[in-house]
N, C-alpha and C. Protein backbone atom coordinates (compact mmCIF):
# COMPACT_ATOMS: atom_id res chain seq x y z
N UNK A 1 150.62 73.45 102.98
CA UNK A 1 150.06 74.35 101.99
C UNK A 1 148.55 74.43 102.11
N UNK A 2 147.92 73.33 102.56
CA UNK A 2 146.47 73.32 102.71
C UNK A 2 146.02 74.32 103.77
N UNK A 3 146.82 74.46 104.82
CA UNK A 3 146.46 75.40 105.89
C UNK A 3 146.46 76.82 105.35
N UNK A 4 147.48 77.17 104.57
CA UNK A 4 147.55 78.51 104.00
C UNK A 4 146.37 78.77 103.07
N UNK A 5 145.99 77.78 102.29
CA UNK A 5 144.84 77.92 101.40
C UNK A 5 143.56 78.13 102.19
N UNK A 6 143.41 77.39 103.30
CA UNK A 6 142.22 77.56 104.15
C UNK A 6 142.17 78.95 104.76
N UNK A 7 143.32 79.41 105.22
CA UNK A 7 143.39 80.74 105.82
C UNK A 7 143.03 81.79 104.77
N UNK A 8 143.55 81.64 103.57
CA UNK A 8 143.25 82.57 102.49
C UNK A 8 141.76 82.58 102.19
N UNK A 9 141.16 81.40 102.07
CA UNK A 9 139.72 81.32 101.80
C UNK A 9 138.91 81.92 102.94
N UNK A 10 139.32 81.62 104.17
CA UNK A 10 138.60 82.15 105.34
C UNK A 10 138.70 83.67 105.39
N UNK A 11 139.87 84.21 105.11
CA UNK A 11 140.06 85.66 105.12
C UNK A 11 139.21 86.32 104.05
N UNK A 12 139.20 85.73 102.86
CA UNK A 12 138.40 86.27 101.77
C UNK A 12 136.92 86.22 102.12
N UNK A 13 136.47 85.11 102.69
CA UNK A 13 135.07 84.97 103.08
C UNK A 13 134.69 86.00 104.13
N UNK A 14 135.54 86.20 105.12
CA UNK A 14 135.28 87.18 106.17
C UNK A 14 135.17 88.59 105.59
N UNK A 15 136.09 88.96 104.73
CA UNK A 15 136.05 90.29 104.12
C UNK A 15 134.81 90.46 103.24
N UNK A 16 134.41 89.40 102.53
CA UNK A 16 133.21 89.46 101.70
C UNK A 16 131.97 89.66 102.57
N UNK A 17 131.89 88.94 103.68
CA UNK A 17 130.75 89.07 104.59
C UNK A 17 130.68 90.49 105.15
N UNK A 18 131.81 91.03 105.57
CA UNK A 18 131.84 92.40 106.11
C UNK A 18 131.37 93.39 105.05
N UNK A 19 131.82 93.22 103.82
CA UNK A 19 131.42 94.12 102.74
C UNK A 19 129.91 94.05 102.50
N UNK A 20 129.37 92.84 102.41
CA UNK A 20 127.93 92.66 102.15
C UNK A 20 127.11 93.25 103.29
N UNK A 21 127.52 93.00 104.52
CA UNK A 21 126.79 93.54 105.67
C UNK A 21 126.81 95.07 105.67
N UNK A 22 127.92 95.66 105.24
CA UNK A 22 127.99 97.12 105.20
C UNK A 22 127.05 97.72 104.16
N UNK A 23 126.65 96.92 103.17
CA UNK A 23 125.73 97.41 102.14
C UNK A 23 124.27 97.25 102.53
N UNK A 24 123.97 96.46 103.54
CA UNK A 24 122.59 96.18 103.91
C UNK A 24 121.75 97.42 104.23
N UNK A 25 122.30 98.45 104.88
CA UNK A 25 121.45 99.60 105.18
C UNK A 25 120.85 100.27 103.94
N UNK A 26 121.48 100.13 102.80
CA UNK A 26 120.97 100.75 101.59
C UNK A 26 119.80 99.98 100.98
N UNK A 27 119.60 98.74 101.42
CA UNK A 27 118.53 97.91 100.88
C UNK A 27 117.25 98.21 101.64
N UNK A 28 116.19 98.51 100.92
CA UNK A 28 114.89 98.73 101.53
C UNK A 28 114.79 100.05 102.29
N UNK A 29 115.59 101.02 101.93
CA UNK A 29 115.56 102.30 102.61
C UNK A 29 114.22 102.99 102.40
N UNK A 30 113.76 103.70 103.42
CA UNK A 30 112.49 104.40 103.35
C UNK A 30 112.72 105.90 103.54
N UNK A 31 113.58 106.45 102.71
CA UNK A 31 113.85 107.88 102.72
C UNK A 31 114.13 108.30 101.29
N UNK A 32 114.06 109.60 101.07
CA UNK A 32 114.29 110.07 99.70
C UNK A 32 115.69 110.65 99.55
N UNK A 33 116.20 110.55 98.34
CA UNK A 33 117.46 111.18 98.01
C UNK A 33 117.17 112.53 97.38
N UNK A 34 117.84 113.56 97.87
CA UNK A 34 117.63 114.90 97.31
C UNK A 34 118.98 115.50 96.91
N UNK A 35 118.93 116.41 95.97
CA UNK A 35 120.14 117.09 95.51
C UNK A 35 120.52 118.18 96.51
N UNK A 36 121.75 118.65 96.46
CA UNK A 36 122.11 119.79 97.31
C UNK A 36 121.25 121.03 97.02
N UNK A 37 120.84 121.20 95.76
CA UNK A 37 119.97 122.34 95.43
C UNK A 37 118.64 122.25 96.18
N UNK A 38 118.05 121.04 96.18
CA UNK A 38 116.78 120.84 96.88
C UNK A 38 116.98 120.98 98.38
N UNK A 39 118.09 120.49 98.90
CA UNK A 39 118.37 120.62 100.33
C UNK A 39 118.45 122.10 100.72
N UNK A 40 119.15 122.89 99.93
CA UNK A 40 119.28 124.32 100.22
C UNK A 40 117.93 125.01 100.16
N UNK A 41 117.11 124.65 99.17
CA UNK A 41 115.77 125.25 99.05
C UNK A 41 114.96 124.95 100.30
N UNK A 42 115.00 123.71 100.77
CA UNK A 42 114.24 123.32 101.96
C UNK A 42 114.77 124.03 103.21
N UNK A 43 116.08 124.09 103.34
CA UNK A 43 116.69 124.75 104.50
C UNK A 43 116.32 126.22 104.53
N UNK A 44 116.36 126.87 103.37
CA UNK A 44 116.04 128.29 103.29
C UNK A 44 114.56 128.58 103.55
N UNK A 45 113.69 127.64 103.17
CA UNK A 45 112.25 127.90 103.28
C UNK A 45 111.62 127.35 104.57
N UNK A 46 112.30 126.48 105.29
CA UNK A 46 111.72 125.86 106.48
C UNK A 46 112.72 125.89 107.63
N UNK A 47 112.55 126.82 108.57
CA UNK A 47 113.51 126.93 109.67
C UNK A 47 113.47 125.76 110.66
N UNK A 48 112.47 124.88 110.54
CA UNK A 48 112.38 123.74 111.46
C UNK A 48 113.14 122.52 110.96
N UNK A 49 113.69 122.59 109.75
CA UNK A 49 114.46 121.45 109.20
C UNK A 49 115.63 121.15 110.13
N UNK A 50 115.81 119.88 110.43
CA UNK A 50 116.94 119.42 111.24
C UNK A 50 118.01 118.92 110.28
N UNK A 51 119.19 119.53 110.32
CA UNK A 51 120.28 119.16 109.42
C UNK A 51 121.25 118.29 110.21
N UNK A 52 121.39 117.04 109.78
CA UNK A 52 122.22 116.07 110.50
C UNK A 52 123.46 115.73 109.69
N UNK A 53 124.61 116.11 110.20
CA UNK A 53 125.91 115.81 109.59
C UNK A 53 126.44 114.56 110.27
N UNK A 54 126.59 113.47 109.51
CA UNK A 54 126.99 112.19 110.10
C UNK A 54 128.48 111.89 109.92
N UNK A 55 129.26 112.89 109.58
CA UNK A 55 130.71 112.70 109.41
C UNK A 55 131.41 112.71 110.76
N UNK A 56 132.71 112.50 110.74
CA UNK A 56 133.50 112.56 111.97
C UNK A 56 133.59 114.00 112.46
N UNK A 57 133.95 114.16 113.71
CA UNK A 57 134.07 115.50 114.28
C UNK A 57 135.18 116.31 113.60
N UNK A 58 136.21 115.63 113.13
CA UNK A 58 137.30 116.32 112.45
C UNK A 58 136.81 116.89 111.12
N UNK A 59 136.07 116.07 110.36
CA UNK A 59 135.50 116.55 109.10
C UNK A 59 134.54 117.71 109.36
N UNK A 60 133.72 117.56 110.38
CA UNK A 60 132.74 118.60 110.74
C UNK A 60 133.44 119.90 111.09
N UNK A 61 134.49 119.81 111.90
CA UNK A 61 135.23 121.00 112.32
C UNK A 61 135.78 121.77 111.13
N UNK A 62 136.24 121.03 110.12
CA UNK A 62 136.84 121.66 108.95
C UNK A 62 135.84 122.38 108.07
N UNK A 63 134.57 122.08 108.21
CA UNK A 63 133.53 122.77 107.45
C UNK A 63 132.24 121.99 107.42
N UNK A 64 131.12 122.70 107.56
CA UNK A 64 129.81 122.05 107.55
C UNK A 64 128.73 123.08 107.18
N UNK A 65 127.56 122.58 106.89
CA UNK A 65 126.42 123.44 106.59
C UNK A 65 126.02 124.17 107.86
N UNK A 66 125.77 125.48 107.74
CA UNK A 66 125.38 126.27 108.89
C UNK A 66 124.11 125.70 109.54
N UNK A 67 124.16 125.51 110.84
CA UNK A 67 123.01 124.99 111.57
C UNK A 67 123.00 123.48 111.70
N UNK A 68 123.94 122.81 111.05
CA UNK A 68 123.98 121.34 111.11
C UNK A 68 124.40 120.88 112.50
N UNK A 69 123.87 119.73 112.88
CA UNK A 69 124.24 119.07 114.12
C UNK A 69 125.05 117.84 113.74
N UNK A 70 126.18 117.65 114.39
CA UNK A 70 127.08 116.55 114.06
C UNK A 70 126.91 115.39 115.03
N UNK A 71 126.42 114.27 114.51
CA UNK A 71 126.40 113.01 115.25
C UNK A 71 127.00 111.97 114.31
N UNK A 72 128.16 111.48 114.64
CA UNK A 72 128.83 110.49 113.80
C UNK A 72 127.88 109.34 113.49
N UNK A 73 127.91 108.87 112.26
CA UNK A 73 126.99 107.83 111.80
C UNK A 73 127.00 106.60 112.70
N UNK A 74 128.13 106.29 113.30
CA UNK A 74 128.24 105.10 114.15
C UNK A 74 127.56 105.27 115.51
N UNK A 75 127.18 106.50 115.86
CA UNK A 75 126.61 106.77 117.18
C UNK A 75 125.16 107.24 117.14
N UNK A 76 124.53 107.20 115.98
CA UNK A 76 123.16 107.70 115.87
C UNK A 76 122.21 106.99 116.83
N UNK A 77 122.25 105.68 116.87
CA UNK A 77 121.32 104.94 117.74
C UNK A 77 121.58 105.26 119.21
N UNK A 78 122.82 105.39 119.60
CA UNK A 78 123.16 105.67 120.99
C UNK A 78 122.73 107.07 121.43
N UNK A 79 122.70 107.99 120.49
CA UNK A 79 122.37 109.38 120.82
C UNK A 79 121.08 109.83 120.14
N UNK A 80 120.15 108.91 119.98
CA UNK A 80 118.87 109.22 119.32
C UNK A 80 118.11 110.30 120.07
N UNK A 81 118.31 110.41 121.36
CA UNK A 81 117.60 111.43 122.15
C UNK A 81 117.97 112.85 121.73
N UNK A 82 119.04 113.01 120.97
CA UNK A 82 119.44 114.33 120.49
C UNK A 82 118.71 114.75 119.21
N UNK A 83 118.02 113.80 118.60
CA UNK A 83 117.25 114.09 117.39
C UNK A 83 115.95 114.80 117.78
N UNK A 84 115.24 115.38 116.81
CA UNK A 84 114.00 116.10 117.13
C UNK A 84 112.99 115.22 117.87
N UNK A 85 112.18 115.86 118.72
CA UNK A 85 111.16 115.12 119.46
C UNK A 85 110.04 114.61 118.56
N UNK A 86 109.66 115.43 117.59
CA UNK A 86 108.56 115.06 116.68
C UNK A 86 109.09 114.18 115.56
N UNK A 87 108.49 113.01 115.38
CA UNK A 87 108.96 112.06 114.37
C UNK A 87 108.68 112.50 112.94
N UNK A 88 107.83 113.51 112.74
CA UNK A 88 107.56 113.97 111.38
C UNK A 88 108.36 115.23 111.02
N UNK A 89 109.28 115.63 111.89
CA UNK A 89 110.16 116.76 111.59
C UNK A 89 111.01 116.43 110.37
N UNK A 90 111.17 117.38 109.47
CA UNK A 90 112.02 117.17 108.31
C UNK A 90 113.48 117.06 108.73
N UNK A 91 114.13 115.99 108.30
CA UNK A 91 115.54 115.77 108.63
C UNK A 91 116.31 115.56 107.34
N UNK A 92 117.34 116.37 107.14
CA UNK A 92 118.24 116.20 105.99
C UNK A 92 119.56 115.64 106.54
N UNK A 93 119.94 114.48 106.05
CA UNK A 93 121.15 113.80 106.50
C UNK A 93 122.21 113.95 105.40
N UNK A 94 123.43 114.30 105.80
CA UNK A 94 124.50 114.38 104.80
C UNK A 94 125.84 113.95 105.37
N UNK A 95 126.74 113.58 104.46
CA UNK A 95 128.14 113.28 104.78
C UNK A 95 128.98 113.96 103.71
N UNK A 96 130.14 113.43 103.39
CA UNK A 96 130.97 114.03 102.34
C UNK A 96 130.38 113.84 100.96
N UNK A 97 129.98 112.59 100.65
CA UNK A 97 129.59 112.27 99.28
C UNK A 97 128.28 111.52 99.15
N UNK A 98 127.59 111.28 100.24
CA UNK A 98 126.29 110.62 100.18
C UNK A 98 126.29 109.16 100.57
N UNK A 99 127.46 108.55 100.81
CA UNK A 99 127.50 107.13 101.14
C UNK A 99 127.17 106.87 102.62
N UNK A 100 127.91 107.50 103.53
CA UNK A 100 127.63 107.32 104.96
C UNK A 100 126.25 107.86 105.32
N UNK A 101 125.83 108.91 104.62
CA UNK A 101 124.53 109.50 104.95
C UNK A 101 123.38 108.56 104.62
N UNK A 102 123.56 107.66 103.64
CA UNK A 102 122.52 106.65 103.39
C UNK A 102 122.36 105.76 104.61
N UNK A 103 123.48 105.35 105.18
CA UNK A 103 123.43 104.54 106.40
C UNK A 103 122.79 105.34 107.53
N UNK A 104 123.19 106.60 107.66
CA UNK A 104 122.63 107.45 108.70
C UNK A 104 121.14 107.67 108.52
N UNK A 105 120.71 107.93 107.28
CA UNK A 105 119.28 108.14 107.01
C UNK A 105 118.50 106.87 107.33
N UNK A 106 119.06 105.73 107.00
CA UNK A 106 118.39 104.47 107.30
C UNK A 106 118.24 104.28 108.81
N UNK A 107 119.27 104.62 109.56
CA UNK A 107 119.19 104.51 111.02
C UNK A 107 118.13 105.44 111.58
N UNK A 108 118.06 106.66 111.05
CA UNK A 108 117.06 107.62 111.52
C UNK A 108 115.65 107.12 111.21
N UNK A 109 115.45 106.57 110.02
CA UNK A 109 114.14 105.99 109.66
C UNK A 109 113.81 104.84 110.60
N UNK A 110 114.78 104.00 110.90
CA UNK A 110 114.54 102.87 111.81
C UNK A 110 114.20 103.32 113.23
N UNK A 111 114.54 104.56 113.56
CA UNK A 111 114.18 105.11 114.87
C UNK A 111 112.75 105.66 114.87
N UNK A 112 112.09 105.61 113.70
CA UNK A 112 110.69 106.02 113.64
C UNK A 112 110.43 107.35 112.96
N UNK A 113 111.45 108.00 112.44
CA UNK A 113 111.25 109.29 111.76
C UNK A 113 110.71 109.04 110.35
N UNK A 114 109.78 109.90 109.94
CA UNK A 114 109.05 109.65 108.70
C UNK A 114 109.34 110.65 107.59
N UNK A 115 110.08 111.71 107.88
CA UNK A 115 110.34 112.75 106.88
C UNK A 115 111.85 112.95 106.74
N UNK A 116 112.52 111.89 106.26
CA UNK A 116 113.98 111.86 106.22
C UNK A 116 114.46 111.93 104.77
N UNK A 117 115.47 112.75 104.54
CA UNK A 117 116.07 112.88 103.21
C UNK A 117 117.58 112.71 103.30
N UNK A 118 118.14 112.03 102.31
CA UNK A 118 119.58 111.86 102.19
C UNK A 118 120.06 112.83 101.12
N UNK A 119 120.99 113.72 101.47
CA UNK A 119 121.50 114.67 100.49
C UNK A 119 122.54 113.98 99.60
N UNK A 120 122.13 113.70 98.37
CA UNK A 120 123.02 113.08 97.39
C UNK A 120 124.18 114.02 97.10
N UNK A 121 125.30 113.50 96.80
CA UNK A 121 126.54 114.26 96.53
C UNK A 121 127.10 114.90 97.79
N UNK A 122 126.39 114.87 98.90
CA UNK A 122 126.89 115.29 100.20
C UNK A 122 127.47 116.69 100.27
N UNK A 123 128.34 116.86 101.24
CA UNK A 123 128.95 118.15 101.50
C UNK A 123 129.80 118.62 100.32
N UNK A 124 130.46 117.68 99.64
CA UNK A 124 131.26 118.07 98.47
C UNK A 124 130.37 118.64 97.37
N UNK A 125 129.19 118.05 97.17
CA UNK A 125 128.24 118.58 96.20
C UNK A 125 127.76 119.97 96.60
N UNK A 126 127.55 120.16 97.89
CA UNK A 126 127.14 121.47 98.43
C UNK A 126 128.22 122.51 98.12
N UNK A 127 129.47 122.17 98.39
CA UNK A 127 130.58 123.10 98.13
C UNK A 127 130.75 123.37 96.64
N UNK A 128 130.58 122.34 95.81
CA UNK A 128 130.73 122.51 94.36
C UNK A 128 129.77 123.56 93.81
N UNK A 129 128.64 123.72 94.47
CA UNK A 129 127.64 124.71 94.02
C UNK A 129 127.89 126.09 94.62
N UNK A 130 128.94 126.20 95.42
CA UNK A 130 129.29 127.49 96.01
C UNK A 130 128.40 127.90 97.18
N UNK A 131 127.70 126.96 97.77
CA UNK A 131 126.82 127.27 98.90
C UNK A 131 127.65 127.57 100.15
N UNK A 132 127.09 128.35 101.07
CA UNK A 132 127.85 128.75 102.25
C UNK A 132 128.10 127.60 103.22
N UNK A 133 129.17 127.75 103.97
CA UNK A 133 129.52 126.77 105.00
C UNK A 133 130.19 127.51 106.16
N UNK A 134 130.27 126.84 107.28
CA UNK A 134 130.95 127.40 108.45
C UNK A 134 131.94 126.36 108.97
N UNK A 135 132.86 126.81 109.82
CA UNK A 135 133.83 125.89 110.42
C UNK A 135 133.67 125.93 111.94
N UNK A 136 134.25 124.97 112.61
CA UNK A 136 134.19 124.91 114.07
C UNK A 136 133.35 123.74 114.53
N UNK A 137 133.26 123.58 115.85
CA UNK A 137 132.55 122.43 116.42
C UNK A 137 131.41 122.85 117.34
N UNK A 138 130.89 124.05 117.16
CA UNK A 138 129.87 124.54 118.09
C UNK A 138 128.61 123.66 118.16
N UNK A 139 128.29 122.93 117.11
CA UNK A 139 127.11 122.05 117.16
C UNK A 139 127.51 120.59 116.94
N UNK A 140 128.74 120.27 117.28
CA UNK A 140 129.18 118.88 117.20
C UNK A 140 128.87 118.22 118.53
N UNK A 141 127.80 117.43 118.54
CA UNK A 141 127.35 116.82 119.78
C UNK A 141 128.13 115.56 120.11
N UNK A 142 128.51 114.84 119.09
CA UNK A 142 129.24 113.59 119.29
C UNK A 142 130.59 113.75 118.61
N UNK A 143 131.65 113.68 119.37
CA UNK A 143 132.96 113.97 118.80
C UNK A 143 133.97 112.86 119.06
N UNK A 144 133.72 111.66 118.53
CA UNK A 144 134.74 110.62 118.69
C UNK A 144 135.99 111.01 117.92
N UNK A 145 137.13 110.69 118.48
CA UNK A 145 138.37 111.08 117.81
C UNK A 145 138.82 110.05 116.78
N UNK A 146 138.18 108.88 116.77
CA UNK A 146 138.58 107.83 115.84
C UNK A 146 137.36 107.38 115.06
N UNK A 147 137.50 107.25 113.76
CA UNK A 147 136.43 106.73 112.91
C UNK A 147 136.42 105.22 113.06
N UNK A 148 135.38 104.67 113.67
CA UNK A 148 135.33 103.24 113.99
C UNK A 148 135.37 102.38 112.72
N UNK A 149 134.70 102.79 111.67
CA UNK A 149 134.71 102.02 110.43
C UNK A 149 136.12 101.89 109.87
N UNK A 150 136.82 102.99 109.84
CA UNK A 150 138.20 102.98 109.36
C UNK A 150 139.08 102.14 110.28
N UNK A 151 138.88 102.27 111.57
CA UNK A 151 139.64 101.48 112.53
C UNK A 151 139.41 99.99 112.32
N UNK A 152 138.17 99.59 112.04
CA UNK A 152 137.85 98.18 111.80
C UNK A 152 138.59 97.66 110.58
N UNK A 153 138.60 98.44 109.51
CA UNK A 153 139.27 98.02 108.28
C UNK A 153 140.78 97.87 108.53
N UNK A 154 141.36 98.81 109.26
CA UNK A 154 142.79 98.75 109.56
C UNK A 154 143.10 97.50 110.39
N UNK A 155 142.28 97.22 111.41
CA UNK A 155 142.52 96.04 112.26
C UNK A 155 142.42 94.75 111.47
N UNK A 156 141.42 94.64 110.62
CA UNK A 156 141.27 93.44 109.80
C UNK A 156 142.47 93.29 108.87
N UNK A 157 142.91 94.39 108.30
CA UNK A 157 144.07 94.34 107.40
C UNK A 157 145.32 93.88 108.14
N UNK A 158 145.50 94.35 109.36
CA UNK A 158 146.66 93.94 110.15
C UNK A 158 146.61 92.44 110.44
N UNK A 159 145.43 91.94 110.80
CA UNK A 159 145.28 90.51 111.06
C UNK A 159 145.63 89.70 109.82
N UNK A 160 145.14 90.12 108.67
CA UNK A 160 145.43 89.41 107.42
C UNK A 160 146.93 89.43 107.14
N UNK A 161 147.57 90.58 107.35
CA UNK A 161 149.02 90.67 107.13
C UNK A 161 149.79 89.78 108.09
N UNK A 162 149.37 89.72 109.33
CA UNK A 162 150.03 88.85 110.30
C UNK A 162 149.91 87.39 109.87
N UNK A 163 148.73 87.01 109.41
CA UNK A 163 148.52 85.63 108.95
C UNK A 163 149.46 85.31 107.80
N UNK A 164 149.61 86.23 106.87
CA UNK A 164 150.48 85.98 105.72
C UNK A 164 151.95 85.93 106.10
N UNK A 165 152.36 86.65 107.14
CA UNK A 165 153.77 86.70 107.53
C UNK A 165 154.18 85.51 108.39
N UNK A 166 153.23 84.88 109.05
CA UNK A 166 153.55 83.74 109.91
C UNK A 166 153.89 82.54 109.05
N UNK A 167 155.02 81.93 109.35
CA UNK A 167 155.42 80.73 108.60
C UNK A 167 154.72 79.54 109.22
N UNK A 168 153.88 78.91 108.45
CA UNK A 168 153.13 77.76 108.93
C UNK A 168 153.94 76.48 108.68
N UNK A 169 153.89 75.55 109.64
CA UNK A 169 154.63 74.29 109.44
C UNK A 169 154.01 73.48 108.30
N UNK A 170 154.84 72.90 107.50
CA UNK A 170 154.36 72.06 106.40
C UNK A 170 154.95 70.66 106.54
N UNK A 171 154.21 69.68 106.10
CA UNK A 171 154.69 68.29 106.14
C UNK A 171 155.64 68.06 104.99
N UNK A 172 156.67 67.28 105.25
CA UNK A 172 157.63 66.95 104.19
C UNK A 172 157.51 65.52 103.79
């Protein structure tokens, strides 16, 4: 029984560490949060704004802000050369609801960009206001077919389930 208790504690500790590490990008962020209204105002008034959609290619294909470039949040560092050359270019980062885009905005700031905004409420907030959108993948630069974050969670869950199903020998 002690082995099962240790495995349970170890699994809980591992999941807690993964959760805490996933929250780290939001700590000490050096970018501003803007509403979809403010994002639209900036996009309409400044044609040099770079709109970065950090969702998966499937989400992007189903609908995105016109002119947005799709680089999945997990690949921003690997494909940094696709971002604007000038580090002071205005960049608006968005996802579905503003969570992944915080991570994306933090990554963009860490690459040296100084004019980065995270669109709060994300694409869903944009749609709720009736703003225009387009479909297709014409500006999807990075198109992984699997969301790595989701895949990681599924793999960890499978490992935990396997551990629980294995009958461990006990002393009598």
